[in-house]
Structures are given as structure tokens and as C-alpha cells.
PDB file of N, CA and C in Angstrom:
ATOM      1  N   MET A   1     170.997-113.538-109.471  1.00  0.00           N
ATOM      2  CA  MET A   1     170.737-112.302-110.129  1.00  0.00           C
ATOM      3  C   MET A   1     169.269-112.111-110.257  1.00  0.00           C
ATOM      4  N   LYS A   2     168.510-113.136-110.667  1.00  0.00           N
ATOM      5  CA  LYS A   2     167.057-113.006-110.738  1.00  0.00           C
ATOM      6  C   LYS A   2     166.492-112.735-109.466  1.00  0.00           C
ATOM      7  N   SER A   3     166.883-113.249-108.406  1.00  0.00           N
ATOM      8  CA  SER A   3     166.271-112.985-107.045  1.00  0.00           C
ATOM      9  C   SER A   3     166.393-111.503-106.645  1.00  0.00           C
ATOM     10  N   ALA A   4     167.533-110.975-107.060  1.00  0.00           N
ATOM     11  CA  ALA A   4     167.888-109.522-106.727  1.00  0.00           C
ATOM     12  C   ALA A   4     166.891-108.663-107.497  1.00  0.00           C
ATOM     13  N   ARG A   5     166.557-108.992-108.807  1.00  0.00           N
ATOM     14  CA  ARG A   5     165.751-108.142-109.532  1.00  0.00           C
ATOM     15  C   ARG A   5     164.329-108.243-109.010  1.00  0.00           C
ATOM     16  N   ARG A   6     163.926-109.464-108.495  1.00  0.00           N
ATOM     17  CA  ARG A   6     162.551-109.568-107.883  1.00  0.00           C
ATOM     18  C   ARG A   6     162.441-108.794-106.647  1.00  0.00           C
ATOM     19  N   ILE A   7     163.451-108.707-105.851  1.00  0.00           N
ATOM     20  CA  ILE A   7     163.484-107.907-104.615  1.00  0.00           C
ATOM     21  C   ILE A   7     163.355-106.456-105.010  1.00  0.00           C
ATOM     22  N   VAL A   8     163.971-105.975-105.974  1.00  0.00           N
ATOM     23  CA  VAL A   8     163.862-104.536-106.409  1.00  0.00           C
ATOM     24  C   VAL A   8     162.539-104.338-106.945  1.00  0.00           C
ATOM     25  N   VAL A   9     161.998-105.105-107.704  1.00  0.00           N
ATOM     26  CA  VAL A   9     160.682-104.935-108.240  1.00  0.00           C
ATOM     27  C   VAL A   9     159.561-104.926-107.253  1.00  0.00           C
ATOM     28  N   VAL A  10     159.627-105.927-106.306  1.00  0.00           N
ATOM     29  CA  VAL A  10     158.734-106.057-105.183  1.00  0.00           C
ATOM     30  C   VAL A  10     158.815-104.718-104.208  1.00  0.00           C
ATOM     31  N   THR A  11     160.061-104.339-103.943  1.00  0.00           N
ATOM     32  CA  THR A  11     160.276-103.256-103.065  1.00  0.00           C
ATOM     33  C   THR A  11     159.753-101.978-103.813  1.00  0.00           C
ATOM     34  N   GLY A  12     160.006-101.801-105.142  1.00  0.00           N
ATOM     35  CA  GLY A  12     159.546-100.688-105.820  1.00  0.00           C
ATOM     36  C   GLY A  12     158.003-100.563-105.889  1.00  0.00           C
ATOM     37  N   THR A  13     157.375-101.740-106.040  1.00  0.00           N
ATOM     38  CA  THR A  13     155.934-101.824-106.115  1.00  0.00           C
ATOM     39  C   THR A  13     155.365-101.439-104.840  1.00  0.00           C
ATOM     40  N   ALA A  14     155.887-101.992-103.699  1.00  0.00           N
ATOM     41  CA  ALA A  14     155.389-101.757-102.430  1.00  0.00           C
ATOM     42  C   ALA A  14     155.449-100.260-102.048  1.00  0.00           C
ATOM     43  N   ALA A  15     156.534 -99.667-102.437  1.00  0.00           N
ATOM     44  CA  ALA A  15     156.767 -98.179-102.188  1.00  0.00           C
ATOM     45  C   ALA A  15     155.769 -97.397-102.942  1.00  0.00           C
ATOM     46  N   ALA A  16     155.529 -97.836-104.135  1.00  0.00           N
ATOM     47  CA  ALA A  16     154.548 -96.952-104.975  1.00  0.00           C
ATOM     48  C   ALA A  16     153.174 -97.135-104.384  1.00  0.00           C
ATOM     49  N   LEU A  17     152.744 -98.380-104.019  1.00  0.00           N
ATOM     50  CA  LEU A  17     151.405 -98.602-103.397  1.00  0.00           C
ATOM     51  C   LEU A  17     151.288 -97.805-102.057  1.00  0.00           C
ATOM     52  N   ALA A  18     152.322 -97.845-101.252  1.00  0.00           N
ATOM     53  CA  ALA A  18     152.222 -97.097 -99.972  1.00  0.00           C
ATOM     54  C   ALA A  18     152.059 -95.606-100.216  1.00  0.00           C
ATOM     55  N   THR A  19     152.649 -95.120-101.246  1.00  0.00           N
ATOM     56  CA  THR A  19     152.524 -93.666-101.546  1.00  0.00           C
ATOM     57  C   THR A  19     151.082 -93.420-101.947  1.00  0.00           C
ATOM     58  N   LEU A  20     150.408 -94.250-102.897  1.00  0.00           N
ATOM     59  CA  LEU A  20     149.019 -94.022-103.191  1.00  0.00           C
ATOM     60  C   LEU A  20     148.078 -94.213-102.033  1.00  0.00           C
ATOM     61  N   ALA A  21     148.378 -94.979-101.058  1.00  0.00           N
ATOM     62  CA  ALA A  21     147.429 -95.209 -99.969  1.00  0.00           C
ATOM     63  C   ALA A  21     147.365 -94.033 -98.906  1.00  0.00           C
ATOM     64  N   GLN A  22     148.463 -93.156 -98.953  1.00  0.00           N
ATOM     65  CA  GLN A  22     148.518 -92.068 -98.049  1.00  0.00           C
ATOM     66  C   GLN A  22     147.509 -90.980 -98.431  1.00  0.00           C
ATOM     67  N   PRO A  23     146.929 -90.276 -97.324  1.00  0.00           N
ATOM     68  CA  PRO A  23     145.994 -89.210 -97.644  1.00  0.00           C
ATOM     69  C   PRO A  23     146.739 -88.115 -98.446  1.00  0.00           C
ATOM     70  N   ALA A  24     145.892 -87.315 -99.049  1.00  0.00           N
ATOM     71  CA  ALA A  24     146.456 -86.268 -99.977  1.00  0.00           C
ATOM     72  C   ALA A  24     147.162 -85.291 -98.981  1.00  0.00           C
ATOM     73  N   ALA A  25     148.382 -84.821 -99.695  1.00  0.00           N
ATOM     74  CA  ALA A  25     149.228 -83.899 -98.796  1.00  0.00           C
ATOM     75  C   ALA A  25     148.518 -82.615 -98.693  1.00  0.00           C
ATOM     76  N   ALA A  26     148.966 -81.920 -97.642  1.00  0.00           N
ATOM     77  CA  ALA A  26     148.420 -80.594 -97.317  1.00  0.00           C
ATOM     78  C   ALA A  26     148.738 -79.693 -98.610  1.00  0.00           C
ATOM     79  N   GLN A  27     147.727 -78.788 -98.712  1.00  0.00           N
ATOM     80  CA  GLN A  27     147.889 -77.775 -99.842  1.00  0.00           C
ATOM     81  C   GLN A  27     147.694 -76.440 -99.317  1.00  0.00           C
ATOM     82  N   SER A  28     148.298 -75.565-100.061  1.00  0.00           N
ATOM     83  CA  SER A  28     147.998 -74.071 -99.678  1.00  0.00           C
ATOM     84  C   SER A  28     147.895 -73.245-100.939  1.00  0.00           C
ATOM     85  N   GLY A  29     147.090 -72.314-100.969  1.00  0.00           N
ATOM     86  CA  GLY A  29     146.814 -71.515-102.118  1.00  0.00           C
ATOM     87  C   GLY A  29     145.589 -70.624-101.844  1.00  0.00           C
ATOM     88  N   ALA A  30     145.035 -70.126-103.015  1.00  0.00           N
ATOM     89  CA  ALA A  30     143.968 -69.146-102.927  1.00  0.00           C
ATOM     90  C   ALA A  30     142.624 -69.851-102.750  1.00  0.00           C
ATOM     91  N   ALA A  31     141.752 -69.258-101.938  1.00  0.00           N
ATOM     92  CA  ALA A  31     140.328 -69.810-101.704  1.00  0.00           C
ATOM     93  C   ALA A  31     139.408 -68.609-102.062  1.00  0.00           C
ATOM     94  N   SER A  32     138.279 -68.986-102.564  1.00  0.00           N
ATOM     95  CA  SER A  32     137.235 -68.009-102.784  1.00  0.00           C
ATOM     96  C   SER A  32     135.986 -68.545-102.307  1.00  0.00           C
ATOM     97  N   TRP A  33     134.857 -67.799-102.301  1.00  0.00           N
ATOM     98  CA  TRP A  33     133.556 -68.406-101.963  1.00  0.00           C
ATOM     99  C   TRP A  33     132.630 -68.177-103.137  1.00  0.00           C
ATOM    100  N   TYR A  34     131.556 -69.015-103.061  1.00  0.00           N
ATOM    101  CA  TYR A  34     130.534 -69.044-104.068  1.00  0.00           C
ATOM    102  C   TYR A  34     129.103 -69.151-103.372  1.00  0.00           C
ATOM    103  N   GLY A  35     128.083 -68.538-103.854  1.00  0.00           N
ATOM    104  CA  GLY A  35     126.905 -68.545-103.235  1.00  0.00           C
ATOM    105  C   GLY A  35     125.633 -68.855-104.134  1.00  0.00           C
ATOM    106  N   SER A  36     125.855 -69.333-105.309  1.00  0.00           N
ATOM    107  CA  SER A  36     124.742 -69.695-106.065  1.00  0.00           C
ATOM    108  C   SER A  36     124.735 -71.090-106.607  1.00  0.00           C
ATOM    109  N   GLY A  37     123.619 -71.520-107.125  1.00  0.00           N
ATOM    110  CA  GLY A  37     123.711 -72.897-107.657  1.00  0.00           C
ATOM    111  C   GLY A  37     122.572 -73.578-106.985  1.00  0.00           C
ATOM    112  N   ALA A  38     121.674 -74.375-107.815  1.00  0.00           N
ATOM    113  CA  ALA A  38     120.696 -75.141-107.170  1.00  0.00           C
ATOM    114  C   ALA A  38     121.130 -76.486-106.660  1.00  0.00           C
ATOM    115  N   ARG A  39     122.104 -77.146-107.423  1.00  0.00           N
ATOM    116  CA  ARG A  39     122.550 -78.507-107.015  1.00  0.00           C
ATOM    117  C   ARG A  39     124.093 -78.442-107.141  1.00  0.00           C
ATOM    118  N   THR A  40     124.655 -79.272-106.248  1.00  0.00           N
ATOM    119  CA  THR A  40     126.119 -79.409-106.194  1.00  0.00           C
ATOM    120  C   THR A  40     126.449 -80.603-107.179  1.00  0.00           C
ATOM    121  N   ALA A  41     127.723 -80.836-107.478  1.00  0.00           N
ATOM    122  CA  ALA A  41     128.119 -81.887-108.378  1.00  0.00           C
ATOM    123  C   ALA A  41     127.824 -83.329-107.847  1.00  0.00           C
ATOM    124  N   ASN A  42     127.688 -83.468-106.564  1.00  0.00           N
ATOM    125  CA  ASN A  42     127.260 -84.740-106.052  1.00  0.00           C
ATOM    126  C   ASN A  42     125.688 -84.883-105.967  1.00  0.00           C
ATOM    127  N   GLY A  43     124.963 -83.836-106.475  1.00  0.00           N
ATOM    128  CA  GLY A  43     123.496 -84.017-106.446  1.00  0.00           C
ATOM    129  C   GLY A  43     122.761 -83.372-105.190  1.00  0.00           C
ATOM    130  N   GLU A  44     123.504 -82.895-104.275  1.00  0.00           N
ATOM    131  CA  GLU A  44     122.850 -82.219-103.033  1.00  0.00           C
ATOM    132  C   GLU A  44     122.315 -80.854-103.514  1.00  0.00           C
ATOM    133  N   ARG A  45     121.369 -80.506-102.862  1.00  0.00           N
ATOM    134  CA  ARG A  45     120.812 -78.997-102.876  1.00  0.00           C
ATOM    135  C   ARG A  45     121.834 -78.155-102.238  1.00  0.00           C
ATOM    136  N   PHE A  46     122.295 -77.164-102.997  1.00  0.00           N
ATOM    137  CA  PHE A  46     123.341 -76.176-102.457  1.00  0.00           C
ATOM    138  C   PHE A  46     122.750 -75.338-101.241  1.00  0.00           C
ATOM    139  N   ASN A  47     123.546 -75.413-100.196  1.00  0.00           N
ATOM    140  CA  ASN A  47     123.214 -74.678 -99.034  1.00  0.00           C
ATOM    141  C   ASN A  47     124.231 -73.602 -98.774  1.00  0.00           C
ATOM    142  N   PRO A  48     123.974 -72.321 -99.005  1.00  0.00           N
ATOM    143  CA  PRO A  48     125.054 -71.409 -98.938  1.00  0.00           C
ATOM    144  C   PRO A  48     125.755 -71.244 -97.534  1.00  0.00           C
ATOM    145  N   ASN A  49     124.879 -71.605 -96.566  1.00  0.00           N
ATOM    146  CA  ASN A  49     125.364 -71.438 -95.195  1.00  0.00           C
ATOM    147  C   ASN A  49     125.950 -72.821 -94.691  1.00  0.00           C
ATOM    148  N   GLY A  50     125.916 -73.880 -95.359  1.00  0.00           N
ATOM    149  CA  GLY A  50     126.422 -75.148 -94.993  1.00  0.00           C
ATOM    150  C   GLY A  50     127.971 -75.139 -95.035  1.00  0.00           C
ATOM    151  N   MET A  51     128.545 -76.005 -94.156  1.00  0.00           N
ATOM    152  CA  MET A  51     130.019 -76.075 -94.047  1.00  0.00           C
ATOM    153  C   MET A  51     130.478 -77.066 -95.065  1.00  0.00           C
ATOM    154  N   THR A  52     130.351 -76.655 -96.387  1.00  0.00           N
ATOM    155  CA  THR A  52     130.707 -77.425 -97.563  1.00  0.00           C
ATOM    156  C   THR A  52     131.615 -76.686 -98.433  1.00  0.00           C
ATOM    157  N   ALA A  53     132.316 -77.269 -99.357  1.00  0.00           N
ATOM    158  CA  ALA A  53     133.299 -76.696-100.239  1.00  0.00           C
ATOM    159  C   ALA A  53     133.298 -77.455-101.643  1.00  0.00           C
ATOM    160  N   ALA A  54     133.823 -76.860-102.628  1.00  0.00           N
ATOM    161  CA  ALA A  54     134.199 -77.499-103.870  1.00  0.00           C
ATOM    162  C   ALA A  54     135.711 -77.666-104.022  1.00  0.00           C
ATOM    163  N   HIS A  55     136.100 -78.789-104.514  1.00  0.00           N
ATOM    164  CA  HIS A  55     137.469 -79.186-104.671  1.00  0.00           C
ATOM    165  C   HIS A  55     137.629 -79.973-106.005  1.00  0.00           C
ATOM    166  N   ARG A  56     138.746 -79.741-106.744  1.00  0.00           N
ATOM    167  CA  ARG A  56     138.833 -80.358-108.068  1.00  0.00           C
ATOM    168  C   ARG A  56     139.048 -81.839-108.055  1.00  0.00           C
ATOM    169  N   SER A  57     139.696 -82.412-107.031  1.00  0.00           N
ATOM    170  CA  SER A  57     140.048 -83.858-107.004  1.00  0.00           C
ATOM    171  C   SER A  57     139.689 -84.578-105.870  1.00  0.00           C
ATOM    172  N   LEU A  58     139.511 -83.914-104.683  1.00  0.00           N
ATOM    173  CA  LEU A  58     139.250 -84.764-103.444  1.00  0.00           C
ATOM    174  C   LEU A  58     137.906 -85.490-103.615  1.00  0.00           C
ATOM    175  N   PRO A  59     137.765 -86.739-103.122  1.00  0.00           N
ATOM    176  CA  PRO A  59     136.460 -87.334-103.175  1.00  0.00           C
ATOM    177  C   PRO A  59     135.374 -86.688-102.455  1.00  0.00           C
ATOM    178  N   PHE A  60     134.089 -86.782-102.948  1.00  0.00           N
ATOM    179  CA  PHE A  60     132.967 -86.301-102.229  1.00  0.00           C
ATOM    180  C   PHE A  60     132.917 -86.840-100.887  1.00  0.00           C
ATOM    181  N   GLY A  61     132.554 -86.080 -99.868  1.00  0.00           N
ATOM    182  CA  GLY A  61     132.513 -86.498 -98.515  1.00  0.00           C
ATOM    183  C   GLY A  61     133.751 -86.391 -97.689  1.00  0.00           C
ATOM    184  N   THR A  62     134.833 -85.978 -98.357  1.00  0.00           N
ATOM    185  CA  THR A  62     136.148 -85.762 -97.624  1.00  0.00           C
ATOM    186  C   THR A  62     135.987 -84.606 -96.791  1.00  0.00           C
ATOM    187  N   ARG A  63     136.480 -84.726 -95.528  1.00  0.00           N
ATOM    188  CA  ARG A  63     136.466 -83.551 -94.486  1.00  0.00           C
ATOM    189  C   ARG A  63     137.883 -82.857 -94.649  1.00  0.00           C
ATOM    190  N   VAL A  64     137.774 -81.601 -94.758  1.00  0.00           N
ATOM    191  CA  VAL A  64     139.046 -80.764 -94.927  1.00  0.00           C
ATOM    192  C   VAL A  64     139.128 -79.671 -93.961  1.00  0.00           C
ATOM    193  N   GLN A  65     140.201 -79.548 -93.248  1.00  0.00           N
ATOM    194  CA  GLN A  65     140.449 -78.447 -92.468  1.00  0.00           C
ATOM    195  C   GLN A  65     140.914 -77.206 -93.243  1.00  0.00           C
ATOM    196  N   VAL A  66     140.276 -76.108 -93.216  1.00  0.00           N
ATOM    197  CA  VAL A  66     140.600 -74.930 -94.092  1.00  0.00           C
ATOM    198  C   VAL A  66     141.148 -73.872 -93.071  1.00  0.00           C
ATOM    199  N   LYS A  67     142.322 -73.373 -93.247  1.00  0.00           N
ATOM    200  CA  LYS A  67     142.865 -72.321 -92.280  1.00  0.00           C
ATOM    201  C   LYS A  67     143.206 -71.131 -93.130  1.00  0.00           C
ATOM    202  N   ASN A  68     142.596 -69.943 -92.636  1.00  0.00           N
ATOM    203  CA  ASN A  68     142.984 -68.662 -93.242  1.00  0.00           C
ATOM    204  C   ASN A  68     144.317 -68.273 -92.767  1.00  0.00           C
ATOM    205  N   VAL A  69     145.389 -68.234 -93.552  1.00  0.00           N
ATOM    206  CA  VAL A  69     146.691 -68.024 -93.074  1.00  0.00           C
ATOM    207  C   VAL A  69     146.983 -66.572 -92.605  1.00  0.00           C
ATOM    208  N   ARG A  70     146.108 -65.642 -93.057  1.00  0.00           N
ATOM    209  CA  ARG A  70     146.238 -64.267 -92.651  1.00  0.00           C
ATOM    210  C   ARG A  70     145.743 -64.081 -91.248  1.00  0.00           C
ATOM    211  N   ASN A  71     144.627 -64.605 -90.769  1.00  0.00           N
ATOM    212  CA  ASN A  71     144.184 -64.344 -89.414  1.00  0.00           C
ATOM    213  C   ASN A  71     144.179 -65.648 -88.536  1.00  0.00           C
ATOM    214  N   GLY A  72     144.537 -66.779 -89.010  1.00  0.00           N
ATOM    215  CA  GLY A  72     144.666 -67.971 -88.172  1.00  0.00           C
ATOM    216  C   GLY A  72     143.376 -68.731 -87.913  1.00  0.00           C
ATOM    217  N   ARG A  73     142.266 -68.249 -88.339  1.00  0.00           N
ATOM    218  CA  ARG A  73     140.915 -68.907 -88.167  1.00  0.00           C
ATOM    219  C   ARG A  73     140.905 -70.134 -89.012  1.00  0.00           C
ATOM    220  N   SER A  74     140.216 -71.229 -88.523  1.00  0.00           N
ATOM    221  CA  SER A  74     140.001 -72.440 -89.338  1.00  0.00           C
ATOM    222  C   SER A  74     138.651 -73.059 -89.091  1.00  0.00           C
ATOM    223  N   VAL A  75     138.216 -73.692 -90.132  1.00  0.00           N
ATOM    224  CA  VAL A  75     137.024 -74.427 -90.153  1.00  0.00           C
ATOM    225  C   VAL A  75     137.179 -75.835 -90.684  1.00  0.00           C
ATOM    226  N   VAL A  76     136.238 -76.742 -90.474  1.00  0.00           N
ATOM    227  CA  VAL A  76     136.262 -78.079 -91.198  1.00  0.00           C
ATOM    228  C   VAL A  76     135.054 -78.083 -92.144  1.00  0.00           C
ATOM    229  N   VAL A  77     135.371 -78.405 -93.382  1.00  0.00           N
ATOM    230  CA  VAL A  77     134.300 -78.419 -94.374  1.00  0.00           C
ATOM    231  C   VAL A  77     134.200 -79.862 -95.014  1.00  0.00           C
ATOM    232  N   ARG A  78     133.107 -80.054 -95.686  1.00  0.00           N
ATOM    233  CA  ARG A  78     132.960 -81.389 -96.352  1.00  0.00           C
ATOM    234  C   ARG A  78     132.856 -81.075 -97.834  1.00  0.00           C
ATOM    235  N   ILE A  79     133.622 -81.841 -98.596  1.00  0.00           N
ATOM    236  CA  ILE A  79     133.743 -81.673-100.038  1.00  0.00           C
ATOM    237  C   ILE A  79     132.380 -82.327-100.723  1.00  0.00           C
ATOM    238  N   ASN A  80     131.601 -81.341-101.361  1.00  0.00           N
ATOM    239  CA  ASN A  80     130.342 -81.920-102.010  1.00  0.00           C
ATOM    240  C   ASN A  80     130.202 -81.293-103.360  1.00  0.00           C
ATOM    241  N   ASP A  81     131.268 -80.601-103.915  1.00  0.00           N
ATOM    242  CA  ASP A  81     131.119 -80.064-105.174  1.00  0.00           C
ATOM    243  C   ASP A  81     132.459 -80.029-105.928  1.00  0.00           C
ATOM    244  N   ARG A  82     132.405 -79.709-107.231  1.00  0.00           N
ATOM    245  CA  ARG A  82     133.645 -79.577-107.986  1.00  0.00           C
ATOM    246  C   ARG A  82     134.004 -78.166-108.306  1.00  0.00           C
ATOM    247  N   GLY A  83     135.260 -77.871-108.332  1.00  0.00           N
ATOM    248  CA  GLY A  83     135.659 -76.564-108.612  1.00  0.00           C
ATOM    249  C   GLY A  83     136.897 -76.337-107.718  1.00  0.00           C
ATOM    250  N   PRO A  84     137.445 -75.147-107.643  1.00  0.00           N
ATOM    251  CA  PRO A  84     137.095 -74.000-108.422  1.00  0.00           C
ATOM    252  C   PRO A  84     137.618 -74.157-109.843  1.00  0.00           C
ATOM    253  N   PHE A  85     137.085 -73.301-110.790  1.00  0.00           N
ATOM    254  CA  PHE A  85     137.457 -73.425-112.113  1.00  0.00           C
ATOM    255  C   PHE A  85     138.130 -72.063-112.534  1.00  0.00           C
ATOM    256  N   VAL A  86     138.726 -71.474-111.598  1.00  0.00           N
ATOM    257  CA  VAL A  86     139.584 -70.249-111.839  1.00  0.00           C
ATOM    258  C   VAL A  86     141.015 -70.626-111.572  1.00  0.00           C
ATOM    259  N   ARG A  87     141.909 -70.325-112.449  1.00  0.00           N
ATOM    260  CA  ARG A  87     143.260 -70.733-112.314  1.00  0.00           C
ATOM    261  C   ARG A  87     143.846 -70.142-111.066  1.00  0.00           C
ATOM    262  N   GLY A  88     144.697 -70.916-110.329  1.00  0.00           N
ATOM    263  CA  GLY A  88     145.403 -70.514-109.131  1.00  0.00           C
ATOM    264  C   GLY A  88     144.570 -70.682-107.856  1.00  0.00           C
ATOM    265  N   ARG A  89     143.340 -71.041-107.919  1.00  0.00           N
ATOM    266  CA  ARG A  89     142.531 -71.263-106.710  1.00  0.00           C
ATOM    267  C   ARG A  89     142.498 -72.721-106.436  1.00  0.00           C
ATOM    268  N   ILE A  90     142.498 -73.104-105.114  1.00  0.00           N
ATOM    269  CA  ILE A  90     142.574 -74.580-104.748  1.00  0.00           C
ATOM    270  C   ILE A  90     141.202 -74.994-104.153  1.00  0.00           C
ATOM    271  N   ILE A  91     140.376 -74.083-103.706  1.00  0.00           N
ATOM    272  CA  ILE A  91     139.084 -74.482-103.082  1.00  0.00           C
ATOM    273  C   ILE A  91     138.147 -73.363-103.113  1.00  0.00           C
ATOM    274  N   ASP A  92     136.840 -73.760-103.334  1.00  0.00           N
ATOM    275  CA  ASP A  92     135.735 -72.793-103.387  1.00  0.00           C
ATOM    276  C   ASP A  92     134.919 -73.119-102.102  1.00  0.00           C
ATOM    277  N   LEU A  93     134.704 -72.089-101.291  1.00  0.00           N
ATOM    278  CA  LEU A  93     133.856 -72.333-100.078  1.00  0.00           C
ATOM    279  C   LEU A  93     132.436 -71.854-100.266  1.00  0.00           C
ATOM    280  N   ALA A  94     131.588 -72.605 -99.543  1.00  0.00           N
ATOM    281  CA  ALA A  94     130.191 -71.993 -99.420  1.00  0.00           C
ATOM    282  C   ALA A  94     130.284 -70.651 -98.658  1.00  0.00           C
ATOM    283  N   ARG A  95     129.393 -69.878 -98.682  1.00  0.00           N
ATOM    284  CA  ARG A  95     129.329 -68.551 -98.020  1.00  0.00           C
ATOM    285  C   ARG A  95     129.606 -68.724 -96.481  1.00  0.00           C
ATOM    286  N   GLY A  96     128.905 -69.773 -95.820  1.00  0.00           N
ATOM    287  CA  GLY A  96     129.058 -69.922 -94.458  1.00  0.00           C
ATOM    288  C   GLY A  96     130.453 -70.072 -93.843  1.00  0.00           C
ATOM    289  N   PRO A  97     131.148 -71.094 -94.405  1.00  0.00           N
ATOM    290  CA  PRO A  97     132.519 -71.293 -93.951  1.00  0.00           C
ATOM    291  C   PRO A  97     133.505 -70.101 -94.376  1.00  0.00           C
ATOM    292  N   ALA A  98     133.138 -69.402 -95.497  1.00  0.00           N
ATOM    293  CA  ALA A  98     133.994 -68.251 -95.785  1.00  0.00           C
ATOM    294  C   ALA A  98     133.837 -67.170 -94.861  1.00  0.00           C
ATOM    295  N   ARG A  99     132.647 -66.920 -94.428  1.00  0.00           N
ATOM    296  CA  ARG A  99     132.275 -65.883 -93.414  1.00  0.00           C
ATOM    297  C   ARG A  99     133.052 -66.199 -92.166  1.00  0.00           C
ATOM    298  N   ALA A 100     132.965 -67.520 -91.726  1.00  0.00           N
ATOM    299  CA  ALA A 100     133.594 -67.899 -90.475  1.00  0.00           C
ATOM    300  C   ALA A 100     135.094 -67.699 -90.525  1.00  0.00           C
ATOM    301  N   LEU A 101     135.670 -67.786 -91.721  1.00  0.00           N
ATOM    302  CA  LEU A 101     137.117 -67.677 -91.954  1.00  0.00           C
ATOM    303  C   LEU A 101     137.498 -66.182 -92.050  1.00  0.00           C
ATOM    304  N   GLY A 102     136.480 -65.356 -92.259  1.00  0.00           N
ATOM    305  CA  GLY A 102     136.802 -63.925 -92.591  1.00  0.00           C
ATOM    306  C   GLY A 102     137.217 -63.647 -93.955  1.00  0.00           C
ATOM    307  N   ILE A 103     136.781 -64.487 -94.837  1.00  0.00           N
ATOM    308  CA  ILE A 103     137.046 -64.249 -96.282  1.00  0.00           C
ATOM    309  C   ILE A 103     135.904 -63.583 -96.949  1.00  0.00           C
ATOM    310  N   GLY A 104     136.246 -62.419 -97.586  1.00  0.00           N
ATOM    311  CA  GLY A 104     135.231 -61.673 -98.332  1.00  0.00           C
ATOM    312  C   GLY A 104     135.336 -61.809 -99.742  1.00  0.00           C
ATOM    313  N   GLY A 105     136.452 -62.143-100.228  1.00  0.00           N
ATOM    314  CA  GLY A 105     136.769 -62.358-101.632  1.00  0.00           C
ATOM    315  C   GLY A 105     137.635 -63.533-101.995  1.00  0.00           C
ATOM    316  N   VAL A 106     138.932 -63.277-102.059  1.00  0.00           N
ATOM    317  CA  VAL A 106     139.933 -64.334-102.368  1.00  0.00           C
ATOM    318  C   VAL A 106     140.971 -64.147-101.200  1.00  0.00           C
ATOM    319  N   SER A 107     141.295 -65.178-100.625  1.00  0.00           N
ATOM    320  CA  SER A 107     142.293 -65.255 -99.516  1.00  0.00           C
ATOM    321  C   SER A 107     143.194 -66.464 -99.557  1.00  0.00           C
ATOM    322  N   ARG A 108     144.360 -66.378 -98.962  1.00  0.00           N
ATOM    323  CA  ARG A 108     145.224 -67.442 -98.925  1.00  0.00           C
ATOM    324  C   ARG A 108     144.963 -68.427 -97.790  1.00  0.00           C
ATOM    325  N   VAL A 109     144.802 -69.744 -98.059  1.00  0.00           N
ATOM    326  CA  VAL A 109     144.429 -70.695 -97.068  1.00  0.00           C
ATOM    327  C   VAL A 109     145.410 -71.877 -97.149  1.00  0.00           C
ATOM    328  N   ALA A 110     145.387 -72.685 -96.036  1.00  0.00           N
ATOM    329  CA  ALA A 110     146.061 -73.955 -96.041  1.00  0.00           C
ATOM    330  C   ALA A 110     145.045 -75.056 -95.849  1.00  0.00           C
ATOM    331  N   LEU A 111     145.152 -76.133 -96.516  1.00  0.00           N
ATOM    332  CA  LEU A 111     144.226 -77.272 -96.456  1.00  0.00           C
ATOM    333  C   LEU A 111     144.938 -78.410 -95.821  1.00  0.00           C
ATOM    334  N   ALA A 112     144.198 -79.152 -95.017  1.00  0.00           N
ATOM    335  CA  ALA A 112     144.581 -80.553 -94.535  1.00  0.00           C
ATOM    336  C   ALA A 112     143.434 -81.473 -94.420  1.00  0.00           C
ATOM    337  N   VAL A 113     143.616 -82.657 -95.020  1.00  0.00           N
ATOM    338  CA  VAL A 113     142.493 -83.571 -94.934  1.00  0.00           C
ATOM    339  C   VAL A 113     142.355 -84.087 -93.507  1.00  0.00           C
ATOM    340  N   VAL A 114     141.083 -84.167 -92.962  1.00  0.00           N
ATOM    341  CA  VAL A 114     140.801 -84.622 -91.598  1.00  0.00           C
ATOM    342  C   VAL A 114     140.420 -86.092 -91.775  1.00  0.00           C
ATOM    343  N   ASP A 115     140.987 -86.843 -90.871  1.00  0.00           N
ATOM    344  CA  ASP A 115     140.613 -88.304 -90.890  1.00  0.00           C
ATOM    345  C   ASP A 115     139.320 -88.600 -90.337  1.00  0.00           C
TER     346      ASP A 115
END
């Protein structure tokens, strides 16, 4: 009986660790753009035309493919800031990538972490 419990505990622990090691699942939701600020949360000088974005939880430096679901355009951005701080939004884009995606305000997007 003790060996059966050990197998269950080891199997459960391995499954939990495997889940944690996987990249963040794809997300979809609202995106907006922002164009002001002297410094980003990671200390870089903000470049409104840079292919960068703010995300609440992805690590700095993570590359994310952002796809505008309305027109199918996509870009790859690097996370270098924190936000958005508006309920219901999942990413804030610098003006450059927002323009490339055809986003003038708030738009629905799909996110996928790029390896």
C-alpha cells in the first residue's frame, strides 16, 4: 500500500511540474496602444516606434506574436513593460506595432509566446 501511495505522489508531482514548465498558453482579448512614458518597467527608455509591449505577467524579454483577429495582421513584440492596467485588456502595444496591426484604439487580438 505504501508503494502505491508513493507512485501516486510522484506521478502527481511530475504532472504538476510538467505543467509549470510549459510556456504560457495562448491568450485572446483586448489590446490597446500607449505612447508616452520616459522609462519602461524594466528600465529601458520608452521608444514609441519600437516593437515592444506591456504585459501583466510575462517575463521581460519574452517575445510574443500578436495577431489582430479582425484583419489577420500579426507582429512579434518583446515584453519590456508592465500593464495594461485597464480591466479586460491583455496587452498594451507601443504605437509602432499597433500601427502595423491596424489598431487605432482598442482591438481584439490573439497572443502566442514565440520560442
